[in-house]
């Protein structure tokens, strides 16, 4: 929920977050839906 909120506040699509973070868009979608359990390294990539 927080990733989706921040992404939308920035006006970013999942594609944009994918591009900036280096993660696949479908993986980001899974995280936003709460069905993925990302590692702390992935969470760090998103925060950066």
ModelCIF file with pLDDT and N, C-alpha, C, O atoms, coordinates in Angstrom:
data_MODEL
#
_entry.id   MODEL 
#
_entity.id                         1 
_entity.type                       polymer 
_entity.pdbx_number_of_molecules   1 
#
_entity_poly.entity_id                      1 
_entity_poly.type                           'polypeptide(L)' 
_entity_poly.nstd_linkage                   no 
_entity_poly.nstd_monomer                   no 
_entity_poly.pdbx_seq_one_letter_code       
;(UNK)(UNK)(UNK)(UNK)(UNK)(UNK)(UNK)(UNK)(UNK)(UNK)(UNK)(UNK)(UNK)(UNK)(UNK)(UNK)
(UNK)(UNK)(UNK)(UNK)(UNK)(UNK)(UNK)(UNK)(UNK)(UNK)(UNK)(UNK)(UNK)(UNK)(UNK)(UNK)
(UNK)(UNK)(UNK)(UNK)(UNK)(UNK)(UNK)(UNK)(UNK)(UNK)(UNK)(UNK)(UNK)(UNK)(UNK)(UNK)
;
_entity_poly.pdbx_seq_one_letter_code_can   XXXXXXXXXXXXXXXXXXXXXXXXXXXXXXXXXXXXXXXXXXXXXXXX 
_entity_poly.pdbx_strand_id                 A 
#
loop_
_entity_poly_seq.entity_id 
_entity_poly_seq.num 
_entity_poly_seq.mon_id 
_entity_poly_seq.hetero 
1 1  UNK n 
1 2  UNK n 
1 3  UNK n 
1 4  UNK n 
1 5  UNK n 
1 6  UNK n 
1 7  UNK n 
1 8  UNK n 
1 9  UNK n 
1 10 UNK n 
1 11 UNK n 
1 12 UNK n 
1 13 UNK n 
1 14 UNK n 
1 15 UNK n 
1 16 UNK n 
1 17 UNK n 
1 18 UNK n 
1 19 UNK n 
1 20 UNK n 
1 21 UNK n 
1 22 UNK n 
1 23 UNK n 
1 24 UNK n 
1 25 UNK n 
1 26 UNK n 
1 27 UNK n 
1 28 UNK n 
1 29 UNK n 
1 30 UNK n 
1 31 UNK n 
1 32 UNK n 
1 33 UNK n 
1 34 UNK n 
1 35 UNK n 
1 36 UNK n 
1 37 UNK n 
1 38 UNK n 
1 39 UNK n 
1 40 UNK n 
1 41 UNK n 
1 42 UNK n 
1 43 UNK n 
1 44 UNK n 
1 45 UNK n 
1 46 UNK n 
1 47 UNK n 
1 48 UNK n 
#
_struct_asym.id          A 
_struct_asym.entity_id   1 
#
loop_
_ma_qa_metric.id 
_ma_qa_metric.mode 
_ma_qa_metric.name 
_ma_qa_metric.software_group_id 
_ma_qa_metric.type 
1 global pLDDT . pLDDT 
2 local  pLDDT . pLDDT 
#
_ma_qa_metric_global.metric_id      1 
_ma_qa_metric_global.metric_value   97.52 
_ma_qa_metric_global.model_id       1 
_ma_qa_metric_global.ordinal_id     1 
#
loop_
_ma_qa_metric_local.label_asym_id 
_ma_qa_metric_local.label_comp_id 
_ma_qa_metric_local.label_seq_id 
_ma_qa_metric_local.metric_id 
_ma_qa_metric_local.metric_value 
_ma_qa_metric_local.model_id 
_ma_qa_metric_local.ordinal_id 
A UNK 1  2 98.00 1 1  
A UNK 2  2 98.00 1 2  
A UNK 3  2 98.00 1 3  
A UNK 4  2 98.00 1 4  
A UNK 5  2 98.00 1 5  
A UNK 6  2 98.00 1 6  
A UNK 7  2 98.00 1 7  
A UNK 8  2 98.00 1 8  
A UNK 9  2 98.00 1 9  
A UNK 10 2 98.00 1 10 
A UNK 11 2 98.00 1 11 
A UNK 12 2 98.00 1 12 
A UNK 13 2 98.00 1 13 
A UNK 14 2 98.00 1 14 
A UNK 15 2 98.00 1 15 
A UNK 16 2 98.00 1 16 
A UNK 17 2 98.00 1 17 
A UNK 18 2 98.00 1 18 
A UNK 19 2 98.00 1 19 
A UNK 20 2 98.00 1 20 
A UNK 21 2 97.00 1 21 
A UNK 22 2 97.00 1 22 
A UNK 23 2 98.00 1 23 
A UNK 24 2 98.00 1 24 
A UNK 25 2 97.00 1 25 
A UNK 26 2 97.00 1 26 
A UNK 27 2 98.00 1 27 
A UNK 28 2 98.00 1 28 
A UNK 29 2 98.00 1 29 
A UNK 30 2 98.00 1 30 
A UNK 31 2 98.00 1 31 
A UNK 32 2 98.00 1 32 
A UNK 33 2 97.00 1 33 
A UNK 34 2 95.00 1 34 
A UNK 35 2 95.00 1 35 
A UNK 36 2 94.00 1 36 
A UNK 37 2 94.00 1 37 
A UNK 38 2 97.00 1 38 
A UNK 39 2 97.00 1 39 
A UNK 40 2 97.00 1 40 
A UNK 41 2 97.00 1 41 
A UNK 42 2 98.00 1 42 
A UNK 43 2 98.00 1 43 
A UNK 44 2 98.00 1 44 
A UNK 45 2 98.00 1 45 
A UNK 46 2 98.00 1 46 
A UNK 47 2 98.00 1 47 
A UNK 48 2 98.00 1 48 
#
loop_
_atom_site.group_PDB 
_atom_site.id 
_atom_site.type_symbol 
_atom_site.label_atom_id 
_atom_site.label_alt_id 
_atom_site.label_comp_id 
_atom_site.label_asym_id 
_atom_site.label_entity_id 
_atom_site.label_seq_id 
_atom_site.pdbx_PDB_ins_code 
_atom_site.Cartn_x 
_atom_site.Cartn_y 
_atom_site.Cartn_z 
_atom_site.occupancy 
_atom_site.B_iso_or_equiv 
_atom_site.pdbx_formal_charge 
_atom_site.auth_seq_id 
_atom_site.auth_comp_id 
_atom_site.auth_asym_id 
_atom_site.auth_atom_id 
_atom_site.pdbx_PDB_model_num 
ATOM 1   N N  . UNK A 1 1  ? 0.825  -1.210  0.000   1.00 98.00 ? 1  UNK A N  1 
ATOM 2   C CA . UNK A 1 1  ? 0.000  0.000   0.000   1.00 98.00 ? 1  UNK A CA 1 
ATOM 3   C C  . UNK A 1 1  ? 0.857  1.256   0.000   1.00 98.00 ? 1  UNK A C  1 
ATOM 4   O O  . UNK A 1 1  ? 0.554  2.216   -0.708  1.00 98.00 ? 1  UNK A O  1 
ATOM 5   N N  . UNK A 1 2  ? 1.928  1.255   0.792   1.00 98.00 ? 2  UNK A N  1 
ATOM 6   C CA . UNK A 1 2  ? 2.801  2.428   0.857   1.00 98.00 ? 2  UNK A CA 1 
ATOM 7   C C  . UNK A 1 2  ? 3.563  2.648   -0.440  1.00 98.00 ? 2  UNK A C  1 
ATOM 8   O O  . UNK A 1 2  ? 3.739  3.787   -0.871  1.00 98.00 ? 2  UNK A O  1 
ATOM 9   N N  . UNK A 1 3  ? 4.010  1.578   -1.059  1.00 98.00 ? 3  UNK A N  1 
ATOM 10  C CA . UNK A 1 3  ? 4.704  1.717   -2.344  1.00 98.00 ? 3  UNK A CA 1 
ATOM 11  C C  . UNK A 1 3  ? 3.752  2.298   -3.384  1.00 98.00 ? 3  UNK A C  1 
ATOM 12  O O  . UNK A 1 3  ? 4.119  3.204   -4.131  1.00 98.00 ? 3  UNK A O  1 
ATOM 13  N N  . UNK A 1 4  ? 2.540  1.778   -3.430  1.00 98.00 ? 4  UNK A N  1 
ATOM 14  C CA . UNK A 1 4  ? 1.561  2.292   -4.386  1.00 98.00 ? 4  UNK A CA 1 
ATOM 15  C C  . UNK A 1 4  ? 1.243  3.756   -4.113  1.00 98.00 ? 4  UNK A C  1 
ATOM 16  O O  . UNK A 1 4  ? 1.150  4.557   -5.043  1.00 98.00 ? 4  UNK A O  1 
ATOM 17  N N  . UNK A 1 5  ? 1.076  4.108   -2.838  1.00 98.00 ? 5  UNK A N  1 
ATOM 18  C CA . UNK A 1 5  ? 0.765  5.489   -2.461  1.00 98.00 ? 5  UNK A CA 1 
ATOM 19  C C  . UNK A 1 5  ? 1.882  6.442   -2.883  1.00 98.00 ? 5  UNK A C  1 
ATOM 20  O O  . UNK A 1 5  ? 1.624  7.475   -3.500  1.00 98.00 ? 5  UNK A O  1 
ATOM 21  N N  . UNK A 1 6  ? 3.112  6.092   -2.550  1.00 98.00 ? 6  UNK A N  1 
ATOM 22  C CA . UNK A 1 6  ? 4.256  6.946   -2.904  1.00 98.00 ? 6  UNK A CA 1 
ATOM 23  C C  . UNK A 1 6  ? 4.388  7.044   -4.427  1.00 98.00 ? 6  UNK A C  1 
ATOM 24  O O  . UNK A 1 6  ? 4.632  8.121   -4.973  1.00 98.00 ? 6  UNK A O  1 
ATOM 25  N N  . UNK A 1 7  ? 4.224  5.912   -5.095  1.00 98.00 ? 7  UNK A N  1 
ATOM 26  C CA . UNK A 1 7  ? 4.329  5.907   -6.563  1.00 98.00 ? 7  UNK A CA 1 
ATOM 27  C C  . UNK A 1 7  ? 3.297  6.838   -7.180  1.00 98.00 ? 7  UNK A C  1 
ATOM 28  O O  . UNK A 1 7  ? 3.614  7.624   -8.073  1.00 98.00 ? 7  UNK A O  1 
ATOM 29  N N  . UNK A 1 8  ? 2.062  6.748   -6.703  1.00 98.00 ? 8  UNK A N  1 
ATOM 30  C CA . UNK A 1 8  ? 1.003  7.601   -7.241  1.00 98.00 ? 8  UNK A CA 1 
ATOM 31  C C  . UNK A 1 8  ? 1.220  9.074   -6.884  1.00 98.00 ? 8  UNK A C  1 
ATOM 32  O O  . UNK A 1 8  ? 0.920  9.953   -7.692  1.00 98.00 ? 8  UNK A O  1 
ATOM 33  N N  . UNK A 1 9  ? 1.734  9.349   -5.691  1.00 98.00 ? 9  UNK A N  1 
ATOM 34  C CA . UNK A 1 9  ? 2.038  10.733  -5.307  1.00 98.00 ? 9  UNK A CA 1 
ATOM 35  C C  . UNK A 1 9  ? 3.088  11.338  -6.228  1.00 98.00 ? 9  UNK A C  1 
ATOM 36  O O  . UNK A 1 9  ? 3.054  12.535  -6.515  1.00 98.00 ? 9  UNK A O  1 
ATOM 37  N N  . UNK A 1 10 ? 4.010  10.522  -6.685  1.00 98.00 ? 10 UNK A N  1 
ATOM 38  C CA . UNK A 1 10 ? 5.045  10.991  -7.611  1.00 98.00 ? 10 UNK A CA 1 
ATOM 39  C C  . UNK A 1 10 ? 4.535  11.073  -9.049  1.00 98.00 ? 10 UNK A C  1 
ATOM 40  O O  . UNK A 1 10 ? 5.211  11.607  -9.928  1.00 98.00 ? 10 UNK A O  1 
ATOM 41  N N  . UNK A 1 11 ? 3.334  10.538  -9.278  1.00 98.00 ? 11 UNK A N  1 
ATOM 42  C CA . UNK A 1 11 ? 2.785  10.532  -10.628 1.00 98.00 ? 11 UNK A CA 1 
ATOM 43  C C  . UNK A 1 11 ? 3.442  9.482   -11.510 1.00 98.00 ? 11 UNK A C  1 
ATOM 44  O O  . UNK A 1 11 ? 3.443  9.603   -12.736 1.00 98.00 ? 11 UNK A O  1 
ATOM 45  N N  . UNK A 1 12 ? 3.996  8.457   -10.887 1.00 98.00 ? 12 UNK A N  1 
ATOM 46  C CA . UNK A 1 12 ? 4.694  7.404   -11.618 1.00 98.00 ? 12 UNK A CA 1 
ATOM 47  C C  . UNK A 1 12 ? 3.759  6.244   -11.924 1.00 98.00 ? 12 UNK A C  1 
ATOM 48  O O  . UNK A 1 12 ? 2.887  5.911   -11.122 1.00 98.00 ? 12 UNK A O  1 
ATOM 49  N N  . UNK A 1 13 ? 3.941  5.643   -13.068 1.00 98.00 ? 13 UNK A N  1 
ATOM 50  C CA . UNK A 1 13 ? 3.287  4.377   -13.390 1.00 98.00 ? 13 UNK A CA 1 
ATOM 51  C C  . UNK A 1 13 ? 4.156  3.256   -12.822 1.00 98.00 ? 13 UNK A C  1 
ATOM 52  O O  . UNK A 1 13 ? 5.281  3.490   -12.379 1.00 98.00 ? 13 UNK A O  1 
ATOM 53  N N  . UNK A 1 14 ? 3.623  2.050   -12.842 1.00 98.00 ? 14 UNK A N  1 
ATOM 54  C CA . UNK A 1 14 ? 4.445  0.902   -12.445 1.00 98.00 ? 14 UNK A CA 1 
ATOM 55  C C  . UNK A 1 14 ? 5.617  0.742   -13.408 1.00 98.00 ? 14 UNK A C  1 
ATOM 56  O O  . UNK A 1 14 ? 6.699  0.314   -13.007 1.00 98.00 ? 14 UNK A O  1 
ATOM 57  N N  . UNK A 1 15 ? 5.405  1.082   -14.669 1.00 98.00 ? 15 UNK A N  1 
ATOM 58  C CA . UNK A 1 15 ? 6.488  1.013   -15.657 1.00 98.00 ? 15 UNK A CA 1 
ATOM 59  C C  . UNK A 1 15 ? 7.625  1.966   -15.292 1.00 98.00 ? 15 UNK A C  1 
ATOM 60  O O  . UNK A 1 15 ? 8.799  1.616   -15.417 1.00 98.00 ? 15 UNK A O  1 
ATOM 61  N N  . UNK A 1 16 ? 7.271  3.168   -14.841 1.00 98.00 ? 16 UNK A N  1 
ATOM 62  C CA . UNK A 1 16 ? 8.286  4.153   -14.456 1.00 98.00 ? 16 UNK A CA 1 
ATOM 63  C C  . UNK A 1 16 ? 9.067  3.652   -13.245 1.00 98.00 ? 16 UNK A C  1 
ATOM 64  O O  . UNK A 1 16 ? 10.296 3.724   -13.225 1.00 98.00 ? 16 UNK A O  1 
ATOM 65  N N  . UNK A 1 17 ? 8.354  3.142   -12.228 1.00 98.00 ? 17 UNK A N  1 
ATOM 66  C CA . UNK A 1 17 ? 9.044  2.601   -11.053 1.00 98.00 ? 17 UNK A CA 1 
ATOM 67  C C  . UNK A 1 17 ? 9.933  1.433   -11.467 1.00 98.00 ? 17 UNK A C  1 
ATOM 68  O O  . UNK A 1 17 ? 11.044 1.285   -10.956 1.00 98.00 ? 17 UNK A O  1 
ATOM 69  N N  . UNK A 1 18 ? 9.457  0.616   -12.376 1.00 98.00 ? 18 UNK A N  1 
ATOM 70  C CA . UNK A 1 18 ? 10.240 -0.500  -12.880 1.00 98.00 ? 18 UNK A CA 1 
ATOM 71  C C  . UNK A 1 18 ? 11.537 -0.006  -13.513 1.00 98.00 ? 18 UNK A C  1 
ATOM 72  O O  . UNK A 1 18 ? 12.615 -0.543  -13.255 1.00 98.00 ? 18 UNK A O  1 
ATOM 73  N N  . UNK A 1 19 ? 11.416 1.013   -14.335 1.00 98.00 ? 19 UNK A N  1 
ATOM 74  C CA . UNK A 1 19 ? 12.577 1.588   -15.020 1.00 98.00 ? 19 UNK A CA 1 
ATOM 75  C C  . UNK A 1 19 ? 13.597 2.148   -14.028 1.00 98.00 ? 19 UNK A C  1 
ATOM 76  O O  . UNK A 1 19 ? 14.797 1.900   -14.151 1.00 98.00 ? 19 UNK A O  1 
ATOM 77  N N  . UNK A 1 20 ? 13.107 2.905   -13.044 1.00 98.00 ? 20 UNK A N  1 
ATOM 78  C CA . UNK A 1 20 ? 14.006 3.573   -12.097 1.00 98.00 ? 20 UNK A CA 1 
ATOM 79  C C  . UNK A 1 20 ? 14.615 2.581   -11.100 1.00 98.00 ? 20 UNK A C  1 
ATOM 80  O O  . UNK A 1 20 ? 15.776 2.723   -10.715 1.00 98.00 ? 20 UNK A O  1 
ATOM 81  N N  . UNK A 1 21 ? 13.842 1.586   -10.684 1.00 97.00 ? 21 UNK A N  1 
ATOM 82  C CA . UNK A 1 21 ? 14.317 0.656   -9.659  1.00 97.00 ? 21 UNK A CA 1 
ATOM 83  C C  . UNK A 1 21 ? 15.080 -0.537  -10.231 1.00 97.00 ? 21 UNK A C  1 
ATOM 84  O O  . UNK A 1 21 ? 15.861 -1.173  -9.523  1.00 97.00 ? 21 UNK A O  1 
ATOM 85  N N  . UNK A 1 22 ? 14.857 -0.841  -11.507 1.00 97.00 ? 22 UNK A N  1 
ATOM 86  C CA . UNK A 1 22 ? 15.496 -2.003  -12.108 1.00 97.00 ? 22 UNK A CA 1 
ATOM 87  C C  . UNK A 1 22 ? 14.746 -3.301  -11.855 1.00 97.00 ? 22 UNK A C  1 
ATOM 88  O O  . UNK A 1 22 ? 15.268 -4.388  -12.106 1.00 97.00 ? 22 UNK A O  1 
ATOM 89  N N  . UNK A 1 23 ? 13.506 -3.185  -11.353 1.00 98.00 ? 23 UNK A N  1 
ATOM 90  C CA . UNK A 1 23 ? 12.677 -4.359  -11.084 1.00 98.00 ? 23 UNK A CA 1 
ATOM 91  C C  . UNK A 1 23 ? 11.639 -4.516  -12.183 1.00 98.00 ? 23 UNK A C  1 
ATOM 92  O O  . UNK A 1 23 ? 11.252 -3.535  -12.818 1.00 98.00 ? 23 UNK A O  1 
ATOM 93  N N  . UNK A 1 24 ? 11.186 -5.738  -12.411 1.00 98.00 ? 24 UNK A N  1 
ATOM 94  C CA . UNK A 1 24 ? 10.183 -5.977  -13.438 1.00 98.00 ? 24 UNK A CA 1 
ATOM 95  C C  . UNK A 1 24 ? 8.832  -5.438  -12.985 1.00 98.00 ? 24 UNK A C  1 
ATOM 96  O O  . UNK A 1 24 ? 8.503  -5.509  -11.801 1.00 98.00 ? 24 UNK A O  1 
ATOM 97  N N  . UNK A 1 25 ? 8.050  -4.904  -13.909 1.00 97.00 ? 25 UNK A N  1 
ATOM 98  C CA . UNK A 1 25 ? 6.760  -4.306  -13.590 1.00 97.00 ? 25 UNK A CA 1 
ATOM 99  C C  . UNK A 1 25 ? 5.815  -5.294  -12.925 1.00 97.00 ? 25 UNK A C  1 
ATOM 100 O O  . UNK A 1 25 ? 5.087  -4.925  -12.003 1.00 97.00 ? 25 UNK A O  1 
ATOM 101 N N  . UNK A 1 26 ? 5.814  -6.540  -13.375 1.00 97.00 ? 26 UNK A N  1 
ATOM 102 C CA . UNK A 1 26 ? 4.900  -7.514  -12.768 1.00 97.00 ? 26 UNK A CA 1 
ATOM 103 C C  . UNK A 1 26 ? 5.321  -7.851  -11.340 1.00 97.00 ? 26 UNK A C  1 
ATOM 104 O O  . UNK A 1 26 ? 4.477  -8.184  -10.509 1.00 97.00 ? 26 UNK A O  1 
ATOM 105 N N  . UNK A 1 27 ? 6.605  -7.767  -11.051 1.00 98.00 ? 27 UNK A N  1 
ATOM 106 C CA . UNK A 1 27 ? 7.080  -7.992  -9.684  1.00 98.00 ? 27 UNK A CA 1 
ATOM 107 C C  . UNK A 1 27 ? 6.603  -6.847  -8.795  1.00 98.00 ? 27 UNK A C  1 
ATOM 108 O O  . UNK A 1 27 ? 6.157  -7.078  -7.671  1.00 98.00 ? 27 UNK A O  1 
ATOM 109 N N  . UNK A 1 28 ? 6.696  -5.625  -9.290  1.00 98.00 ? 28 UNK A N  1 
ATOM 110 C CA . UNK A 1 28 ? 6.214  -4.460  -8.547  1.00 98.00 ? 28 UNK A CA 1 
ATOM 111 C C  . UNK A 1 28 ? 4.713  -4.580  -8.302  1.00 98.00 ? 28 UNK A C  1 
ATOM 112 O O  . UNK A 1 28 ? 4.234  -4.280  -7.208  1.00 98.00 ? 28 UNK A O  1 
ATOM 113 N N  . UNK A 1 29 ? 3.983  -5.010  -9.302  1.00 98.00 ? 29 UNK A N  1 
ATOM 114 C CA . UNK A 1 29 ? 2.549  -5.214  -9.161  1.00 98.00 ? 29 UNK A CA 1 
ATOM 115 C C  . UNK A 1 29 ? 2.257  -6.207  -8.038  1.00 98.00 ? 29 UNK A C  1 
ATOM 116 O O  . UNK A 1 29 ? 1.366  -5.976  -7.220  1.00 98.00 ? 29 UNK A O  1 
ATOM 117 N N  . UNK A 1 30 ? 2.991  -7.289  -7.995  1.00 98.00 ? 30 UNK A N  1 
ATOM 118 C CA . UNK A 1 30 ? 2.806  -8.291  -6.948  1.00 98.00 ? 30 UNK A CA 1 
ATOM 119 C C  . UNK A 1 30 ? 3.102  -7.747  -5.565  1.00 98.00 ? 30 UNK A C  1 
ATOM 120 O O  . UNK A 1 30 ? 2.410  -8.076  -4.601  1.00 98.00 ? 30 UNK A O  1 
ATOM 121 N N  . UNK A 1 31 ? 4.127  -6.916  -5.465  1.00 98.00 ? 31 UNK A N  1 
ATOM 122 C CA . UNK A 1 31 ? 4.448  -6.290  -4.178  1.00 98.00 ? 31 UNK A CA 1 
ATOM 123 C C  . UNK A 1 31 ? 3.307  -5.366  -3.756  1.00 98.00 ? 31 UNK A C  1 
ATOM 124 O O  . UNK A 1 31 ? 2.857  -5.408  -2.610  1.00 98.00 ? 31 UNK A O  1 
ATOM 125 N N  . UNK A 1 32 ? 2.843  -4.536  -4.686  1.00 98.00 ? 32 UNK A N  1 
ATOM 126 C CA . UNK A 1 32 ? 1.763  -3.594  -4.367  1.00 98.00 ? 32 UNK A CA 1 
ATOM 127 C C  . UNK A 1 32 ? 0.483  -4.317  -3.949  1.00 98.00 ? 32 UNK A C  1 
ATOM 128 O O  . UNK A 1 32 ? -0.266 -3.808  -3.115  1.00 98.00 ? 32 UNK A O  1 
ATOM 129 N N  . UNK A 1 33 ? 0.225  -5.488  -4.512  1.00 97.00 ? 33 UNK A N  1 
ATOM 130 C CA . UNK A 1 33 ? -0.978 -6.255  -4.168  1.00 97.00 ? 33 UNK A CA 1 
ATOM 131 C C  . UNK A 1 33 ? -0.794 -7.062  -2.887  1.00 97.00 ? 33 UNK A C  1 
ATOM 132 O O  . UNK A 1 33 ? -1.747 -7.653  -2.379  1.00 97.00 ? 33 UNK A O  1 
ATOM 133 N N  . UNK A 1 34 ? 0.435  -7.087  -2.363  1.00 95.00 ? 34 UNK A N  1 
ATOM 134 C CA . UNK A 1 34 ? 0.704  -7.803  -1.125  1.00 95.00 ? 34 UNK A CA 1 
ATOM 135 C C  . UNK A 1 34 ? 0.846  -9.302  -1.291  1.00 95.00 ? 34 UNK A C  1 
ATOM 136 O O  . UNK A 1 34 ? 0.787  -10.047 -0.313  1.00 95.00 ? 34 UNK A O  1 
ATOM 137 N N  . UNK A 1 35 ? 1.035  -9.750  -2.530  1.00 95.00 ? 35 UNK A N  1 
ATOM 138 C CA . UNK A 1 35 ? 1.175  -11.186 -2.774  1.00 95.00 ? 35 UNK A CA 1 
ATOM 139 C C  . UNK A 1 35 ? 2.644  -11.615 -2.920  1.00 95.00 ? 35 UNK A C  1 
ATOM 140 O O  . UNK A 1 35 ? 2.943  -12.808 -2.971  1.00 95.00 ? 35 UNK A O  1 
ATOM 141 N N  . UNK A 1 36 ? 3.528  -10.666 -2.986  1.00 94.00 ? 36 UNK A N  1 
ATOM 142 C CA . UNK A 1 36 ? 4.967  -10.944 -3.028  1.00 94.00 ? 36 UNK A CA 1 
ATOM 143 C C  . UNK A 1 36 ? 5.562  -10.612 -1.666  1.00 94.00 ? 36 UNK A C  1 
ATOM 144 O O  . UNK A 1 36 ? 5.073  -9.727  -0.964  1.00 94.00 ? 36 UNK A O  1 
ATOM 145 N N  . UNK A 1 37 ? 6.610  -11.319 -1.304  1.00 94.00 ? 37 UNK A N  1 
ATOM 146 C CA . UNK A 1 37 ? 7.321  -11.081 -0.060  1.00 94.00 ? 37 UNK A CA 1 
ATOM 147 C C  . UNK A 1 37 ? 8.763  -10.731 -0.426  1.00 94.00 ? 37 UNK A C  1 
ATOM 148 O O  . UNK A 1 37 ? 9.640  -11.595 -0.402  1.00 94.00 ? 37 UNK A O  1 
ATOM 149 N N  . UNK A 1 38 ? 9.009  -9.450  -0.769  1.00 97.00 ? 38 UNK A N  1 
ATOM 150 C CA . UNK A 1 38 ? 10.330 -9.075  -1.277  1.00 97.00 ? 38 UNK A CA 1 
ATOM 151 C C  . UNK A 1 38 ? 11.403 -9.127  -0.192  1.00 97.00 ? 38 UNK A C  1 
ATOM 152 O O  . UNK A 1 38 ? 11.121 -8.959  0.994   1.00 97.00 ? 38 UNK A O  1 
ATOM 153 N N  . UNK A 1 39 ? 12.626 -9.363  -0.625  1.00 97.00 ? 39 UNK A N  1 
ATOM 154 C CA . UNK A 1 39 ? 13.760 -9.323  0.296   1.00 97.00 ? 39 UNK A CA 1 
ATOM 155 C C  . UNK A 1 39 ? 14.030 -7.879  0.699   1.00 97.00 ? 39 UNK A C  1 
ATOM 156 O O  . UNK A 1 39 ? 13.535 -6.942  0.072   1.00 97.00 ? 39 UNK A O  1 
ATOM 157 N N  . UNK A 1 40 ? 14.811 -7.717  1.737   1.00 97.00 ? 40 UNK A N  1 
ATOM 158 C CA . UNK A 1 40 ? 15.167 -6.367  2.193   1.00 97.00 ? 40 UNK A CA 1 
ATOM 159 C C  . UNK A 1 40 ? 15.982 -5.640  1.120   1.00 97.00 ? 40 UNK A C  1 
ATOM 160 O O  . UNK A 1 40 ? 15.913 -4.415  1.021   1.00 97.00 ? 40 UNK A O  1 
ATOM 161 N N  . UNK A 1 41 ? 16.741 -6.370  0.328   1.00 97.00 ? 41 UNK A N  1 
ATOM 162 C CA . UNK A 1 41 ? 17.499 -5.737  -0.762  1.00 97.00 ? 41 UNK A CA 1 
ATOM 163 C C  . UNK A 1 41 ? 16.560 -5.135  -1.811  1.00 97.00 ? 41 UNK A C  1 
ATOM 164 O O  . UNK A 1 41 ? 16.831 -4.057  -2.340  1.00 97.00 ? 41 UNK A O  1 
ATOM 165 N N  . UNK A 1 42 ? 15.469 -5.821  -2.107  1.00 98.00 ? 42 UNK A N  1 
ATOM 166 C CA . UNK A 1 42 ? 14.490 -5.308  -3.072  1.00 98.00 ? 42 UNK A CA 1 
ATOM 167 C C  . UNK A 1 42 ? 13.802 -4.070  -2.497  1.00 98.00 ? 42 UNK A C  1 
ATOM 168 O O  . UNK A 1 42 ? 13.593 -3.083  -3.202  1.00 98.00 ? 42 UNK A O  1 
ATOM 169 N N  . UNK A 1 43 ? 13.453 -4.131  -1.213  1.00 98.00 ? 43 UNK A N  1 
ATOM 170 C CA . UNK A 1 43 ? 12.812 -2.976  -0.563  1.00 98.00 ? 43 UNK A CA 1 
ATOM 171 C C  . UNK A 1 43 ? 13.767 -1.778  -0.590  1.00 98.00 ? 43 UNK A C  1 
ATOM 172 O O  . UNK A 1 43 ? 13.342 -0.641  -0.799  1.00 98.00 ? 43 UNK A O  1 
ATOM 173 N N  . UNK A 1 44 ? 15.038 -2.039  -0.381  1.00 98.00 ? 44 UNK A N  1 
ATOM 174 C CA . UNK A 1 44 ? 16.042 -0.967  -0.438  1.00 98.00 ? 44 UNK A CA 1 
ATOM 175 C C  . UNK A 1 44 ? 16.108 -0.361  -1.846  1.00 98.00 ? 44 UNK A C  1 
ATOM 176 O O  . UNK A 1 44 ? 16.200 0.858   -1.990  1.00 98.00 ? 44 UNK A O  1 
ATOM 177 N N  . UNK A 1 45 ? 16.062 -1.202  -2.879  1.00 98.00 ? 45 UNK A N  1 
ATOM 178 C CA . UNK A 1 45 ? 16.067 -0.699  -4.263  1.00 98.00 ? 45 UNK A CA 1 
ATOM 179 C C  . UNK A 1 45 ? 14.883 0.243   -4.501  1.00 98.00 ? 45 UNK A C  1 
ATOM 180 O O  . UNK A 1 45 ? 15.029 1.290   -5.131  1.00 98.00 ? 45 UNK A O  1 
ATOM 181 N N  . UNK A 1 46 ? 13.728 -0.139  -3.998  1.00 98.00 ? 46 UNK A N  1 
ATOM 182 C CA . UNK A 1 46 ? 12.533 0.675   -4.193  1.00 98.00 ? 46 UNK A CA 1 
ATOM 183 C C  . UNK A 1 46 ? 12.652 1.983   -3.424  1.00 98.00 ? 46 UNK A C  1 
ATOM 184 O O  . UNK A 1 46 ? 12.316 3.043   -3.953  1.00 98.00 ? 46 UNK A O  1 
ATOM 185 N N  . UNK A 1 47 ? 13.124 1.923   -2.191  1.00 98.00 ? 47 UNK A N  1 
ATOM 186 C CA . UNK A 1 47 ? 13.266 3.163   -1.414  1.00 98.00 ? 47 UNK A CA 1 
ATOM 187 C C  . UNK A 1 47 ? 14.270 4.104   -2.073  1.00 98.00 ? 47 UNK A C  1 
ATOM 188 O O  . UNK A 1 47 ? 14.072 5.319   -2.074  1.00 98.00 ? 47 UNK A O  1 
ATOM 189 N N  . UNK A 1 48 ? 15.329 3.561   -2.623  1.00 98.00 ? 48 UNK A N  1 
ATOM 190 C CA . UNK A 1 48 ? 16.316 4.398   -3.316  1.00 98.00 ? 48 UNK A CA 1 
ATOM 191 C C  . UNK A 1 48 ? 15.735 4.989   -4.597  1.00 98.00 ? 48 UNK A C  1 
ATOM 192 O O  . UNK A 1 48 ? 16.425 5.720   -5.308  1.00 98.00 ? 48 UNK A O  1 
#
